[in-house]
Amino acid sequence: MLEMIDIEIDNAVAFQMSGKITEGDMALVLNFAKEKIEHYGSIVLFEKINSFSGVEFAALIEEFKYLFDVGISNIDKVAILTDKKWIEHIVNIEDKMFKKIDMQCFALEEQSLAIEFLKSV
């Protein structure tokens, strides 16, 4: 399940997740991202991962369609809050792969630090 949240950054796409990510969840976030990109030109992402038990295959298809349609060049920064070490390892690899996107992981209780990171130039 994904729930959109407000972190008081105009060009932010912010959400928290728990459990399994569905096609509907993915469509909600991706449509919100498209709207923000159309309005602001670029976005920052804030992801709070409370728990994670997988992604529906249909949700992955939605994400691939979005990547082919919109791409990732409009994403400036990504802040991920998690208590899962394996997610931190994946984010570190992605940060090296996508050099134009500044990605950082934060502990769940470090939300204010993550928001400051997204606000910084």
Protein backbone atom coordinates (compact mmCIF):
# COMPACT_ATOMS: atom_id res chain seq x y z
CA MET A 1 0.00 0.00 0.00
CA LEU A 2 1.21 3.50 -0.86
CA GLU A 3 -0.04 6.66 0.77
CA MET A 4 0.80 10.12 -0.57
CA ILE A 5 2.05 12.52 2.11
CA ASP A 6 2.86 16.23 2.24
CA ILE A 7 6.39 17.24 3.23
CA GLU A 8 5.89 20.93 2.33
CA ILE A 9 8.22 20.96 -0.69
CA ASP A 10 6.36 22.16 -3.78
CA ASN A 11 8.05 19.89 -6.31
CA ALA A 12 8.17 16.81 -4.06
CA VAL A 13 6.51 13.50 -4.72
CA ALA A 14 6.29 12.10 -1.21
CA PHE A 15 4.78 8.83 -0.07
CA GLN A 16 5.03 6.15 2.55
CA MET A 17 4.68 2.48 1.83
CA SER A 18 3.82 -0.63 3.73
CA GLY A 19 3.13 -4.15 2.60
CA LYS A 20 2.83 -5.05 -1.07
CA ILE A 21 2.84 -2.43 -3.83
CA THR A 22 -0.11 -2.83 -6.21
CA GLU A 23 -0.69 -1.61 -9.75
CA GLY A 24 -3.09 1.01 -8.36
CA ASP A 25 -0.48 2.22 -5.87
CA MET A 26 2.13 2.57 -8.59
CA ALA A 27 -0.28 4.37 -10.94
CA LEU A 28 -1.17 6.86 -8.18
CA VAL A 29 2.47 7.79 -7.52
CA LEU A 30 3.47 7.90 -11.19
CA ASN A 31 0.49 10.07 -12.19
CA PHE A 32 1.31 12.43 -9.31
CA ALA A 33 4.94 12.56 -10.51
CA LYS A 34 3.85 13.38 -14.08
CA GLU A 35 1.67 16.25 -12.82
CA LYS A 36 4.52 17.65 -10.69
CA ILE A 37 6.97 17.42 -13.61
CA GLU A 38 4.52 19.21 -15.92
CA HIS A 39 4.14 21.98 -13.35
CA TYR A 40 7.69 22.31 -11.94
CA GLY A 41 9.95 20.78 -14.61
CA SER A 42 11.82 18.60 -12.13
CA ILE A 43 10.95 16.75 -8.94
CA VAL A 44 12.43 15.31 -5.79
CA LEU A 45 11.25 12.00 -4.31
CA PHE A 46 10.62 11.18 -0.66
CA GLU A 47 9.99 7.51 0.09
CA LYS A 48 9.27 6.29 3.62
CA ILE A 49 9.38 2.50 3.72
CA ASN A 50 7.58 1.31 6.85
CA SER A 51 7.48 -2.28 5.62
CA PHE A 52 7.87 -4.01 2.27
CA SER A 53 6.57 -7.36 1.15
CA GLY A 54 6.95 -7.12 -2.61
CA VAL A 55 5.57 -5.58 -5.78
CA GLU A 56 2.81 -6.90 -8.01
CA PHE A 57 3.98 -7.71 -11.54
CA ALA A 58 1.38 -5.30 -12.94
CA ALA A 59 2.90 -2.52 -10.81
CA LEU A 60 6.29 -3.17 -12.41
CA ILE A 61 4.70 -2.92 -15.86
CA GLU A 62 3.23 0.47 -14.85
CA GLU A 63 6.67 1.63 -13.77
CA PHE A 64 8.30 0.49 -17.03
CA LYS A 65 5.61 2.28 -19.08
CA TYR A 66 6.30 5.45 -17.08
CA LEU A 67 10.07 5.15 -17.60
CA PHE A 68 9.62 4.78 -21.36
CA ASP A 69 7.13 7.67 -21.47
CA VAL A 70 8.66 10.17 -19.02
CA GLY A 71 12.11 8.83 -18.08
CA ILE A 72 14.15 9.77 -15.03
CA SER A 73 15.95 12.90 -16.23
CA ASN A 74 13.45 15.09 -14.33
CA ILE A 75 14.35 13.61 -10.92
CA ASP A 76 16.93 15.68 -9.01
CA LYS A 77 17.09 13.96 -5.61
CA VAL A 78 15.70 10.93 -3.83
CA ALA A 79 15.48 10.48 -0.06
CA ILE A 80 14.56 7.04 1.22
CA LEU A 81 13.70 6.41 4.85
CA THR A 82 14.10 2.79 5.87
CA ASP A 83 15.32 0.48 8.58
CA LYS A 84 16.21 -2.26 6.06
CA LYS A 85 19.93 -2.65 5.31
CA TRP A 86 19.27 -4.48 2.05
CA ILE A 87 17.33 -1.45 0.75
CA GLU A 88 20.25 0.81 1.70
CA HIS A 89 22.58 -1.42 -0.35
CA ILE A 90 20.28 -1.19 -3.38
CA VAL A 91 20.05 2.60 -3.05
CA ASN A 92 23.86 2.85 -2.90
CA ILE A 93 24.12 0.87 -6.14
CA GLU A 94 21.40 2.98 -7.81
CA ASP A 95 23.15 6.16 -6.68
CA LYS A 96 26.26 5.03 -8.55
CA MET A 97 24.28 3.96 -11.63
CA PHE A 98 22.18 7.13 -11.93
CA LYS A 99 24.89 9.76 -11.46
CA LYS A 100 22.59 12.73 -12.22
CA ILE A 101 20.25 11.82 -9.34
CA ASP A 102 21.48 12.40 -5.79
CA MET A 103 20.11 9.52 -3.67
CA GLN A 104 20.48 9.04 0.07
CA CYS A 105 19.06 6.72 2.69
CA PHE A 106 17.98 7.86 6.12
CA ALA A 107 16.76 6.05 9.22
CA LEU A 108 12.99 6.17 9.75
CA GLU A 109 13.41 8.65 12.61
CA GLU A 110 15.51 11.00 10.44
CA GLN A 111 12.60 12.45 8.44
CA SER A 112 13.60 16.08 9.10
CA LEU A 113 17.15 15.36 7.85
CA ALA A 114 15.76 13.75 4.70
CA ILE A 115 13.55 16.77 4.02
CA GLU A 116 16.50 19.16 4.54
CA PHE A 117 18.52 17.05 2.09
CA LEU A 118 15.77 17.40 -0.53
CA LYS A 119 15.59 21.17 0.04
CA SER A 120 19.35 21.73 -0.25
CA VAL A 121 20.82 22.83 -3.56
